[in-house]
Amino acid sequence: YAWLDTGTPESLLDASNFIHTIEKRQGSKISCPEEIALEKGWVTKNELLESIEKINNPYNDYLRNL
């Protein structure tokens, strides 16, 4: 766990850079609600794919590869 204070523009930038670095190094998203729902069994892989099929962006590319 990490506490990220975002009360100032500088600390918000620091938090953003931290998240970006962690996601890039680990190859996974931090706090991805769709991934959590899939892991908990709240949605199926097919339901997830259906919900993102019309949108093409890097986030959905990540979800397709789960």
Protein backbone atom coordinates (compact mmCIF):
# COMPACT_ATOMS: atom_id res chain seq x y z
CA TYR A 1 0.00 0.00 0.00
CA ALA A 2 1.06 3.55 -0.64
CA TRP A 3 -0.54 6.80 0.49
CA LEU A 4 -0.46 9.37 -2.27
CA ASP A 5 -1.32 12.92 -1.21
CA THR A 6 -2.81 14.86 -4.10
CA GLY A 7 -3.63 18.13 -2.34
CA THR A 8 -1.36 20.29 -4.49
CA PRO A 9 -0.63 20.36 -8.21
CA GLU A 10 2.92 19.15 -7.53
CA SER A 11 1.80 16.25 -5.33
CA LEU A 12 -0.84 15.29 -7.90
CA LEU A 13 1.87 15.13 -10.55
CA ASP A 14 4.07 13.06 -8.22
CA ALA A 15 1.20 10.61 -7.61
CA SER A 16 0.48 10.37 -11.34
CA ASN A 17 4.14 9.66 -12.11
CA PHE A 18 4.25 7.01 -9.37
CA ILE A 19 1.18 5.21 -10.72
CA HIS A 20 2.50 5.40 -14.27
CA THR A 21 5.84 3.91 -13.23
CA ILE A 22 4.29 1.04 -11.27
CA GLU A 23 1.85 0.15 -14.06
CA LYS A 24 4.57 0.29 -16.70
CA ARG A 25 7.02 -1.87 -14.72
CA GLN A 26 4.48 -4.46 -13.55
CA GLY A 27 2.37 -4.58 -16.70
CA SER A 28 -0.87 -4.37 -14.75
CA LYS A 29 -3.33 -1.62 -13.91
CA ILE A 30 -3.82 -0.23 -10.44
CA SER A 31 -7.42 -0.32 -9.21
CA CYS A 32 -9.02 -1.59 -12.41
CA PRO A 33 -12.71 -2.18 -11.52
CA GLU A 34 -13.32 -4.46 -14.50
CA GLU A 35 -10.37 -6.66 -13.60
CA ILE A 36 -11.50 -6.86 -9.98
CA ALA A 37 -15.04 -7.80 -11.05
CA LEU A 38 -13.66 -10.53 -13.32
CA GLU A 39 -11.40 -11.94 -10.58
CA LYS A 40 -14.25 -11.93 -8.03
CA GLY A 41 -16.57 -13.72 -10.46
CA TRP A 42 -19.02 -10.82 -10.61
CA VAL A 43 -18.79 -10.78 -14.42
CA THR A 44 -17.75 -13.40 -16.93
CA LYS A 45 -15.05 -12.96 -19.54
CA ASN A 46 -17.76 -12.83 -22.22
CA GLU A 47 -19.71 -10.13 -20.36
CA LEU A 48 -16.55 -8.09 -20.03
CA LEU A 49 -15.68 -8.47 -23.70
CA GLU A 50 -19.23 -7.54 -24.75
CA SER A 51 -19.12 -4.37 -22.67
CA ILE A 52 -15.91 -3.13 -24.31
CA GLU A 53 -16.32 -4.39 -27.88
CA LYS A 54 -17.32 -1.02 -29.38
CA ILE A 55 -14.50 0.99 -27.85
CA ASN A 56 -10.93 0.80 -29.09
CA ASN A 57 -8.29 2.28 -26.78
CA PRO A 58 -5.26 1.09 -24.77
CA TYR A 59 -7.33 0.50 -21.63
CA ASN A 60 -9.66 -1.88 -23.48
CA ASP A 61 -6.65 -3.59 -25.05
CA TYR A 62 -5.49 -4.30 -21.48
CA LEU A 63 -8.93 -5.69 -20.57
CA ARG A 64 -9.02 -7.94 -23.65
CA ASN A 65 -5.72 -9.49 -22.59
CA LEU A 66 -6.79 -10.38 -19.05
